[in-house]
Amino acid sequence: MGAMRFFVVIFLTVVLAFLVSQLFALNSQRVNYQEQITKASAEGAVLKEENDSIVQDLEYYQSEENLSKELRAQFNYRGQNEELLILVPAKED
């Protein structure tokens, strides 16, 4: 009877040690996943800001007046019967 009890205690100790090691492994994975979630959330916030900026630009350029303004500013575009003056600042000595 004493030998049987000894083996049961040994068996339960081994099972308990296994369960504890699995708990530590699960906790390690949980921490790893939390770090990944934090990084993904930060990336998502950056992408959302970029997306908002692109949507804002798209709305701006959908207006024909704003598109014309940008075309003139960036490419020195002029319409018919318009004169284009390019002013160059004087060089300072």
PDB file of N, CA and C in Angstrom:
ATOM      1  N   MET A   1       0.823  -1.185   0.000  1.00  0.00           N
ATOM      2  CA  MET A   1       0.000   0.000   0.000  1.00  0.00           C
ATOM      3  C   MET A   1       0.873   1.258   0.000  1.00  0.00           C
ATOM      4  N   GLY A   2       1.963   1.271   0.715  1.00  0.00           N
ATOM      5  CA  GLY A   2       2.852   2.422   0.803  1.00  0.00           C
ATOM      6  C   GLY A   2       3.519   2.718  -0.528  1.00  0.00           C
ATOM      7  N   ALA A   3       3.872   1.668  -1.294  1.00  0.00           N
ATOM      8  CA  ALA A   3       4.511   1.855  -2.594  1.00  0.00           C
ATOM      9  C   ALA A   3       3.522   2.465  -3.581  1.00  0.00           C
ATOM     10  N   MET A   4       2.271   2.041  -3.499  1.00  0.00           N
ATOM     11  CA  MET A   4       1.239   2.566  -4.381  1.00  0.00           C
ATOM     12  C   MET A   4       1.015   4.053  -4.126  1.00  0.00           C
ATOM     13  N   ARG A   5       0.968   4.430  -2.868  1.00  0.00           N
ATOM     14  CA  ARG A   5       0.783   5.831  -2.497  1.00  0.00           C
ATOM     15  C   ARG A   5       1.969   6.664  -2.993  1.00  0.00           C
ATOM     16  N   PHE A   6       3.168   6.128  -2.898  1.00  0.00           N
ATOM     17  CA  PHE A   6       4.380   6.812  -3.337  1.00  0.00           C
ATOM     18  C   PHE A   6       4.309   7.096  -4.846  1.00  0.00           C
ATOM     19  N   PHE A   7       3.898   6.084  -5.620  1.00  0.00           N
ATOM     20  CA  PHE A   7       3.799   6.261  -7.068  1.00  0.00           C
ATOM     21  C   PHE A   7       2.687   7.239  -7.449  1.00  0.00           C
ATOM     22  N   VAL A   8       1.606   7.256  -6.713  1.00  0.00           N
ATOM     23  CA  VAL A   8       0.523   8.208  -6.967  1.00  0.00           C
ATOM     24  C   VAL A   8       1.018   9.628  -6.697  1.00  0.00           C
ATOM     25  N   VAL A   9       1.732   9.813  -5.605  1.00  0.00           N
ATOM     26  CA  VAL A   9       2.280  11.135  -5.279  1.00  0.00           C
ATOM     27  C   VAL A   9       3.272  11.569  -6.350  1.00  0.00           C
ATOM     28  N   ILE A  10       4.138  10.667  -6.773  1.00  0.00           N
ATOM     29  CA  ILE A  10       5.112  10.979  -7.831  1.00  0.00           C
ATOM     30  C   ILE A  10       4.364  11.347  -9.117  1.00  0.00           C
ATOM     31  N   PHE A  11       3.364  10.563  -9.496  1.00  0.00           N
ATOM     32  CA  PHE A  11       2.579  10.822 -10.705  1.00  0.00           C
ATOM     33  C   PHE A  11       1.896  12.182 -10.633  1.00  0.00           C
ATOM     34  N   LEU A  12       1.255  12.478  -9.497  1.00  0.00           N
ATOM     35  CA  LEU A  12       0.584  13.773  -9.345  1.00  0.00           C
ATOM     36  C   LEU A  12       1.573  14.927  -9.370  1.00  0.00           C
ATOM     37  N   THR A  13       2.757  14.737  -8.817  1.00  0.00           N
ATOM     38  CA  THR A  13       3.795  15.766  -8.833  1.00  0.00           C
ATOM     39  C   THR A  13       4.246  16.040 -10.270  1.00  0.00           C
ATOM     40  N   VAL A  14       4.412  14.969 -11.052  1.00  0.00           N
ATOM     41  CA  VAL A  14       4.824  15.131 -12.451  1.00  0.00           C
ATOM     42  C   VAL A  14       3.735  15.846 -13.239  1.00  0.00           C
ATOM     43  N   VAL A  15       2.480  15.470 -13.022  1.00  0.00           N
ATOM     44  CA  VAL A  15       1.368  16.115 -13.717  1.00  0.00           C
ATOM     45  C   VAL A  15       1.291  17.586 -13.326  1.00  0.00           C
ATOM     46  N   LEU A  16       1.439  17.870 -12.050  1.00  0.00           N
ATOM     47  CA  LEU A  16       1.407  19.255 -11.571  1.00  0.00           C
ATOM     48  C   LEU A  16       2.552  20.066 -12.171  1.00  0.00           C
ATOM     49  N   ALA A  17       3.744  19.501 -12.235  1.00  0.00           N
ATOM     50  CA  ALA A  17       4.894  20.193 -12.823  1.00  0.00           C
ATOM     51  C   ALA A  17       4.638  20.473 -14.309  1.00  0.00           C
ATOM     52  N   PHE A  18       4.044  19.507 -15.006  1.00  0.00           N
ATOM     53  CA  PHE A  18       3.715  19.693 -16.415  1.00  0.00           C
ATOM     54  C   PHE A  18       2.706  20.822 -16.590  1.00  0.00           C
ATOM     55  N   LEU A  19       1.671  20.833 -15.761  1.00  0.00           N
ATOM     56  CA  LEU A  19       0.655  21.879 -15.852  1.00  0.00           C
ATOM     57  C   LEU A  19       1.240  23.258 -15.572  1.00  0.00           C
ATOM     58  N   VAL A  20       2.114  23.349 -14.588  1.00  0.00           N
ATOM     59  CA  VAL A  20       2.743  24.635 -14.260  1.00  0.00           C
ATOM     60  C   VAL A  20       3.607  25.109 -15.434  1.00  0.00           C
ATOM     61  N   SER A  21       4.358  24.183 -16.041  1.00  0.00           N
ATOM     62  CA  SER A  21       5.198  24.583 -17.179  1.00  0.00           C
ATOM     63  C   SER A  21       4.325  25.056 -18.346  1.00  0.00           C
ATOM     64  N   GLN A  22       3.170  24.408 -18.551  1.00  0.00           N
ATOM     65  CA  GLN A  22       2.264  24.830 -19.616  1.00  0.00           C
ATOM     66  C   GLN A  22       1.667  26.207 -19.324  1.00  0.00           C
ATOM     67  N   LEU A  23       1.381  26.479 -18.064  1.00  0.00           N
ATOM     68  CA  LEU A  23       0.866  27.800 -17.693  1.00  0.00           C
ATOM     69  C   LEU A  23       1.891  28.885 -17.982  1.00  0.00           C
ATOM     70  N   PHE A  24       3.164  28.621 -17.671  1.00  0.00           N
ATOM     71  CA  PHE A  24       4.201  29.596 -17.973  1.00  0.00           C
ATOM     72  C   PHE A  24       4.334  29.805 -19.482  1.00  0.00           C
ATOM     73  N   ALA A  25       4.227  28.726 -20.255  1.00  0.00           N
ATOM     74  CA  ALA A  25       4.316  28.842 -21.717  1.00  0.00           C
ATOM     75  C   ALA A  25       3.137  29.656 -22.256  1.00  0.00           C
ATOM     76  N   LEU A  26       1.940  29.404 -21.753  1.00  0.00           N
ATOM     77  CA  LEU A  26       0.770  30.157 -22.186  1.00  0.00           C
ATOM     78  C   LEU A  26       0.889  31.635 -21.823  1.00  0.00           C
ATOM     79  N   ASN A  27       1.403  31.910 -20.643  1.00  0.00           N
ATOM     80  CA  ASN A  27       1.588  33.301 -20.230  1.00  0.00           C
ATOM     81  C   ASN A  27       2.593  33.999 -21.142  1.00  0.00           C
ATOM     82  N   SER A  28       3.641  33.287 -21.520  1.00  0.00           N
ATOM     83  CA  SER A  28       4.638  33.859 -22.432  1.00  0.00           C
ATOM     84  C   SER A  28       4.001  34.173 -23.786  1.00  0.00           C
ATOM     85  N   GLN A  29       3.181  33.264 -24.291  1.00  0.00           N
ATOM     86  CA  GLN A  29       2.490  33.515 -25.558  1.00  0.00           C
ATOM     87  C   GLN A  29       1.529  34.683 -25.436  1.00  0.00           C
ATOM     88  N   ARG A  30       0.843  34.804 -24.316  1.00  0.00           N
ATOM     89  CA  ARG A  30      -0.098  35.900 -24.099  1.00  0.00           C
ATOM     90  C   ARG A  30       0.627  37.238 -24.163  1.00  0.00           C
ATOM     91  N   VAL A  31       1.779  37.316 -23.499  1.00  0.00           N
ATOM     92  CA  VAL A  31       2.563  38.556 -23.512  1.00  0.00           C
ATOM     93  C   VAL A  31       3.014  38.871 -24.941  1.00  0.00           C
ATOM     94  N   ASN A  32       3.440  37.846 -25.668  1.00  0.00           N
ATOM     95  CA  ASN A  32       3.870  38.042 -27.055  1.00  0.00           C
ATOM     96  C   ASN A  32       2.722  38.560 -27.914  1.00  0.00           C
ATOM     97  N   TYR A  33       1.541  37.982 -27.751  1.00  0.00           N
ATOM     98  CA  TYR A  33       0.381  38.434 -28.521  1.00  0.00           C
ATOM     99  C   TYR A  33      -0.027  39.856 -28.139  1.00  0.00           C
ATOM    100  N   GLN A  34       0.093  40.202 -26.883  1.00  0.00           N
ATOM    101  CA  GLN A  34      -0.237  41.568 -26.470  1.00  0.00           C
ATOM    102  C   GLN A  34       0.711  42.569 -27.119  1.00  0.00           C
ATOM    103  N   GLU A  35       1.990  42.223 -27.212  1.00  0.00           N
ATOM    104  CA  GLU A  35       2.958  43.103 -27.871  1.00  0.00           C
ATOM    105  C   GLU A  35       2.615  43.258 -29.350  1.00  0.00           C
ATOM    106  N   GLN A  36       2.225  42.146 -29.986  1.00  0.00           N
ATOM    107  CA  GLN A  36       1.847  42.215 -31.399  1.00  0.00           C
ATOM    108  C   GLN A  36       0.604  43.075 -31.600  1.00  0.00           C
ATOM    109  N   ILE A  37      -0.341  42.977 -30.681  1.00  0.00           N
ATOM    110  CA  ILE A  37      -1.558  43.788 -30.769  1.00  0.00           C
ATOM    111  C   ILE A  37      -1.218  45.266 -30.612  1.00  0.00           C
ATOM    112  N   THR A  38      -0.319  45.571 -29.689  1.00  0.00           N
ATOM    113  CA  THR A  38       0.091  46.961 -29.481  1.00  0.00           C
ATOM    114  C   THR A  38       0.751  47.521 -30.741  1.00  0.00           C
ATOM    115  N   LYS A  39       1.656  46.729 -31.337  1.00  0.00           N
ATOM    116  CA  LYS A  39       2.321  47.183 -32.566  1.00  0.00           C
ATOM    117  C   LYS A  39       1.309  47.355 -33.697  1.00  0.00           C
ATOM    118  N   ALA A  40       0.385  46.410 -33.831  1.00  0.00           N
ATOM    119  CA  ALA A  40      -0.617  46.485 -34.895  1.00  0.00           C
ATOM    120  C   ALA A  40      -1.540  47.684 -34.691  1.00  0.00           C
ATOM    121  N   SER A  41      -1.870  47.979 -33.444  1.00  0.00           N
ATOM    122  CA  SER A  41      -2.721  49.144 -33.162  1.00  0.00           C
ATOM    123  C   SER A  41      -2.011  50.434 -33.535  1.00  0.00           C
ATOM    124  N   ALA A  42      -0.724  50.521 -33.214  1.00  0.00           N
ATOM    125  CA  ALA A  42       0.045  51.713 -33.567  1.00  0.00           C
ATOM    126  C   ALA A  42       0.127  51.856 -35.080  1.00  0.00           C
ATOM    127  N   GLU A  43       0.378  50.740 -35.774  1.00  0.00           N
ATOM    128  CA  GLU A  43       0.422  50.763 -37.229  1.00  0.00           C
ATOM    129  C   GLU A  43      -0.921  51.170 -37.814  1.00  0.00           C
ATOM    130  N   GLY A  44      -1.981  50.650 -37.220  1.00  0.00           N
ATOM    131  CA  GLY A  44      -3.327  50.985 -37.672  1.00  0.00           C
ATOM    132  C   GLY A  44      -3.620  52.468 -37.517  1.00  0.00           C
ATOM    133  N   ALA A  45      -3.153  53.054 -36.408  1.00  0.00           N
ATOM    134  CA  ALA A  45      -3.373  54.484 -36.184  1.00  0.00           C
ATOM    135  C   ALA A  45      -2.640  55.315 -37.242  1.00  0.00           C
ATOM    136  N   VAL A  46      -1.414  54.912 -37.562  1.00  0.00           N
ATOM    137  CA  VAL A  46      -0.642  55.622 -38.585  1.00  0.00           C
ATOM    138  C   VAL A  46      -1.337  55.503 -39.941  1.00  0.00           C
ATOM    139  N   LEU A  47      -1.797  54.295 -40.262  1.00  0.00           N
ATOM    140  CA  LEU A  47      -2.480  54.095 -41.542  1.00  0.00           C
ATOM    141  C   LEU A  47      -3.793  54.855 -41.604  1.00  0.00           C
ATOM    142  N   LYS A  48      -4.493  54.963 -40.477  1.00  0.00           N
ATOM    143  CA  LYS A  48      -5.743  55.723 -40.449  1.00  0.00           C
ATOM    144  C   LYS A  48      -5.475  57.198 -40.706  1.00  0.00           C
ATOM    145  N   GLU A  49      -4.418  57.746 -40.093  1.00  0.00           N
ATOM    146  CA  GLU A  49      -4.060  59.144 -40.343  1.00  0.00           C
ATOM    147  C   GLU A  49      -3.718  59.359 -41.814  1.00  0.00           C
ATOM    148  N   GLU A  50      -2.951  58.416 -42.382  1.00  0.00           N
ATOM    149  CA  GLU A  50      -2.580  58.522 -43.789  1.00  0.00           C
ATOM    150  C   GLU A  50      -3.825  58.454 -44.675  1.00  0.00           C
ATOM    151  N   ASN A  51      -4.722  57.556 -44.340  1.00  0.00           N
ATOM    152  CA  ASN A  51      -5.962  57.410 -45.097  1.00  0.00           C
ATOM    153  C   ASN A  51      -6.800  58.685 -45.005  1.00  0.00           C
ATOM    154  N   ASP A  52      -6.909  59.260 -43.813  1.00  0.00           N
ATOM    155  CA  ASP A  52      -7.663  60.500 -43.648  1.00  0.00           C
ATOM    156  C   ASP A  52      -7.066  61.618 -44.487  1.00  0.00           C
ATOM    157  N   SER A  53      -5.733  61.671 -44.525  1.00  0.00           N
ATOM    158  CA  SER A  53      -5.057  62.696 -45.325  1.00  0.00           C
ATOM    159  C   SER A  53      -5.349  62.501 -46.814  1.00  0.00           C
ATOM    160  N   ILE A  54      -5.326  61.253 -47.260  1.00  0.00           N
ATOM    161  CA  ILE A  54      -5.594  60.965 -48.669  1.00  0.00           C
ATOM    162  C   ILE A  54      -7.040  61.304 -49.015  1.00  0.00           C
ATOM    163  N   VAL A  55      -7.960  60.971 -48.129  1.00  0.00           N
ATOM    164  CA  VAL A  55      -9.377  61.295 -48.372  1.00  0.00           C
ATOM    165  C   VAL A  55      -9.553  62.807 -48.439  1.00  0.00           C
ATOM    166  N   GLN A  56      -8.875  63.522 -47.552  1.00  0.00           N
ATOM    167  CA  GLN A  56      -8.966  64.985 -47.544  1.00  0.00           C
ATOM    168  C   GLN A  56      -8.424  65.561 -48.863  1.00  0.00           C
ATOM    169  N   ASP A  57      -7.276  65.033 -49.320  1.00  0.00           N
ATOM    170  CA  ASP A  57      -6.716  65.491 -50.598  1.00  0.00           C
ATOM    171  C   ASP A  57      -7.655  65.169 -51.756  1.00  0.00           C
ATOM    172  N   LEU A  58      -8.233  63.985 -51.721  1.00  0.00           N
ATOM    173  CA  LEU A  58      -9.160  63.580 -52.780  1.00  0.00           C
ATOM    174  C   LEU A  58     -10.363  64.508 -52.838  1.00  0.00           C
ATOM    175  N   GLU A  59     -10.909  64.845 -51.691  1.00  0.00           N
ATOM    176  CA  GLU A  59     -12.048  65.772 -51.654  1.00  0.00           C
ATOM    177  C   GLU A  59     -11.633  67.153 -52.161  1.00  0.00           C
ATOM    178  N   TYR A  60     -10.425  67.578 -51.814  1.00  0.00           N
ATOM    179  CA  TYR A  60      -9.923  68.875 -52.253  1.00  0.00           C
ATOM    180  C   TYR A  60      -9.791  68.911 -53.777  1.00  0.00           C
ATOM    181  N   TYR A  61      -9.200  67.854 -54.352  1.00  0.00           N
ATOM    182  CA  TYR A  61      -8.951  67.846 -55.788  1.00  0.00           C
ATOM    183  C   TYR A  61     -10.192  67.527 -56.614  1.00  0.00           C
ATOM    184  N   GLN A  62     -11.270  67.091 -56.001  1.00  0.00           N
ATOM    185  CA  GLN A  62     -12.499  66.852 -56.743  1.00  0.00           C
ATOM    186  C   GLN A  62     -13.153  68.159 -57.174  1.00  0.00           C
ATOM    187  N   SER A  63     -12.825  69.235 -56.491  1.00  0.00           N
ATOM    188  CA  SER A  63     -13.335  70.541 -56.888  1.00  0.00           C
ATOM    189  C   SER A  63     -12.525  71.024 -58.083  1.00  0.00           C
ATOM    190  N   GLU A  64     -13.224  71.399 -59.136  1.00  0.00           N
ATOM    191  CA  GLU A  64     -12.538  71.835 -60.351  1.00  0.00           C
ATOM    192  C   GLU A  64     -11.708  73.099 -60.107  1.00  0.00           C
ATOM    193  N   GLU A  65     -12.221  73.966 -59.253  1.00  0.00           N
ATOM    194  CA  GLU A  65     -11.499  75.200 -58.936  1.00  0.00           C
ATOM    195  C   GLU A  65     -10.172  74.904 -58.237  1.00  0.00           C
ATOM    196  N   ASN A  66     -10.194  73.990 -57.254  1.00  0.00           N
ATOM    197  CA  ASN A  66      -8.966  73.645 -56.534  1.00  0.00           C
ATOM    198  C   ASN A  66      -7.988  72.906 -57.437  1.00  0.00           C
ATOM    199  N   LEU A  67      -8.501  72.050 -58.288  1.00  0.00           N
ATOM    200  CA  LEU A  67      -7.641  71.325 -59.220  1.00  0.00           C
ATOM    201  C   LEU A  67      -6.955  72.300 -60.166  1.00  0.00           C
ATOM    202  N   SER A  68      -7.688  73.270 -60.644  1.00  0.00           N
ATOM    203  CA  SER A  68      -7.129  74.280 -61.532  1.00  0.00           C
ATOM    204  C   SER A  68      -6.057  75.094 -60.809  1.00  0.00           C
ATOM    205  N   LYS A  69      -6.327  75.439 -59.551  1.00  0.00           N
ATOM    206  CA  LYS A  69      -5.356  76.190 -58.756  1.00  0.00           C
ATOM    207  C   LYS A  69      -4.040  75.418 -58.619  1.00  0.00           C
ATOM    208  N   GLU A  70      -4.135  74.143 -58.307  1.00  0.00           N
ATOM    209  CA  GLU A  70      -2.941  73.317 -58.132  1.00  0.00           C
ATOM    210  C   GLU A  70      -2.200  73.128 -59.449  1.00  0.00           C
ATOM    211  N   LEU A  71      -2.941  72.963 -60.522  1.00  0.00           N
ATOM    212  CA  LEU A  71      -2.335  72.807 -61.836  1.00  0.00           C
ATOM    213  C   LEU A  71      -1.526  74.055 -62.191  1.00  0.00           C
ATOM    214  N   ARG A  72      -2.096  75.194 -61.928  1.00  0.00           N
ATOM    215  CA  ARG A  72      -1.404  76.451 -62.210  1.00  0.00           C
ATOM    216  C   ARG A  72      -0.170  76.615 -61.321  1.00  0.00           C
ATOM    217  N   ALA A  73      -0.296  76.263 -60.054  1.00  0.00           N
ATOM    218  CA  ALA A  73       0.812  76.451 -59.112  1.00  0.00           C
ATOM    219  C   ALA A  73       1.976  75.507 -59.401  1.00  0.00           C
ATOM    220  N   GLN A  74       1.683  74.269 -59.741  1.00  0.00           N
ATOM    221  CA  GLN A  74       2.759  73.291 -59.879  1.00  0.00           C
ATOM    222  C   GLN A  74       3.364  73.232 -61.279  1.00  0.00           C
ATOM    223  N   PHE A  75       2.578  73.524 -62.295  1.00  0.00           N
ATOM    224  CA  PHE A  75       3.065  73.330 -63.664  1.00  0.00           C
ATOM    225  C   PHE A  75       3.059  74.604 -64.504  1.00  0.00           C
ATOM    226  N   ASN A  76       2.896  75.744 -63.845  1.00  0.00           N
ATOM    227  CA  ASN A  76       2.861  77.023 -64.557  1.00  0.00           C
ATOM    228  C   ASN A  76       1.864  76.988 -65.712  1.00  0.00           C
ATOM    229  N   TYR A  77       0.751  76.371 -65.468  1.00  0.00           N
ATOM    230  CA  TYR A  77      -0.307  76.247 -66.471  1.00  0.00           C
ATOM    231  C   TYR A  77      -1.052  77.568 -66.568  1.00  0.00           C
ATOM    232  N   ARG A  78      -1.475  77.895 -67.772  1.00  0.00           N
ATOM    233  CA  ARG A  78      -2.312  79.079 -67.955  1.00  0.00           C
ATOM    234  C   ARG A  78      -3.424  78.743 -68.926  1.00  0.00           C
ATOM    235  N   GLY A  79      -4.553  79.370 -68.706  1.00  0.00           N
ATOM    236  CA  GLY A  79      -5.706  79.170 -69.584  1.00  0.00           C
ATOM    237  C   GLY A  79      -5.620  80.064 -70.798  1.00  0.00           C
ATOM    238  N   GLN A  80      -6.575  79.915 -71.715  1.00  0.00           N
ATOM    239  CA  GLN A  80      -6.613  80.768 -72.892  1.00  0.00           C
ATOM    240  C   GLN A  80      -6.875  82.196 -72.454  1.00  0.00           C
ATOM    241  N   ASN A  81      -6.292  83.130 -73.153  1.00  0.00           N
ATOM    242  CA  ASN A  81      -6.438  84.569 -72.898  1.00  0.00           C
ATOM    243  C   ASN A  81      -5.918  84.953 -71.515  1.00  0.00           C
ATOM    244  N   GLU A  82      -4.993  84.189 -70.982  1.00  0.00           N
ATOM    245  CA  GLU A  82      -4.366  84.535 -69.703  1.00  0.00           C
ATOM    246  C   GLU A  82      -2.879  84.730 -69.943  1.00  0.00           C
ATOM    247  N   GLU A  83      -2.327  85.640 -69.188  1.00  0.00           N
ATOM    248  CA  GLU A  83      -0.884  85.850 -69.256  1.00  0.00           C
ATOM    249  C   GLU A  83      -0.267  85.269 -67.993  1.00  0.00           C
ATOM    250  N   LEU A  84       0.933  84.757 -68.149  1.00  0.00           N
ATOM    251  CA  LEU A  84       1.628  84.152 -67.021  1.00  0.00           C
ATOM    252  C   LEU A  84       2.859  84.975 -66.707  1.00  0.00           C
ATOM    253  N   LEU A  85       2.949  85.435 -65.484  1.00  0.00           N
ATOM    254  CA  LEU A  85       4.125  86.165 -65.043  1.00  0.00           C
ATOM    255  C   LEU A  85       4.839  85.323 -63.993  1.00  0.00           C
ATOM    256  N   ILE A  86       6.103  85.084 -64.212  1.00  0.00           N
ATOM    257  CA  ILE A  86       6.901  84.352 -63.230  1.00  0.00           C
ATOM    258  C   ILE A  86       7.842  85.356 -62.596  1.00  0.00           C
ATOM    259  N   LEU A  87       7.662  85.575 -61.318  1.00  0.00           N
ATOM    260  CA  LEU A  87       8.474  86.550 -60.605  1.00  0.00           C
ATOM    261  C   LEU A  87       9.618  85.820 -59.903  1.00  0.00           C
ATOM    262  N   VAL A  88      10.807  86.281 -60.158  1.00  0.00           N
ATOM    263  CA  VAL A  88      11.998  85.695 -59.553  1.00  0.00           C
ATOM    264  C   VAL A  88      12.560  86.736 -58.594  1.00  0.00           C
ATOM    265  N   PRO A  89      12.770  86.365 -57.325  1.00  0.00           N
ATOM    266  CA  PRO A  89      13.300  87.350 -56.386  1.00  0.00           C
ATOM    267  C   PRO A  89      14.706  87.795 -56.769  1.00  0.00           C
ATOM    268  N   ALA A  90      14.983  89.046 -56.475  1.00  0.00           N
ATOM    269  CA  ALA A  90      16.294  89.593 -56.794  1.00  0.00           C
ATOM    270  C   ALA A  90      17.346  88.930 -55.895  1.00  0.00           C
ATOM    271  N   LYS A  91      18.528  88.770 -56.457  1.00  0.00           N
ATOM    272  CA  LYS A  91      19.630  88.185 -55.678  1.00  0.00           C
ATOM    273  C   LYS A  91      20.149  89.220 -54.703  1.00  0.00           C
ATOM    274  N   GLU A  92      20.400  88.739 -53.502  1.00  0.00           N
ATOM    275  CA  GLU A  92      20.967  89.629 -52.493  1.00  0.00           C
ATOM    276  C   GLU A  92      22.472  89.519 -52.529  1.00  0.00           C
ATOM    277  N   ASP A  93      23.151  90.645 -52.371  1.00  0.00           N
ATOM    278  CA  ASP A  93      24.629  90.631 -52.424  1.00  0.00           C
ATOM    279  C   ASP A  93      25.204  90.241 -51.114  1.00  0.00           C
TER     280      ASP A  93
END
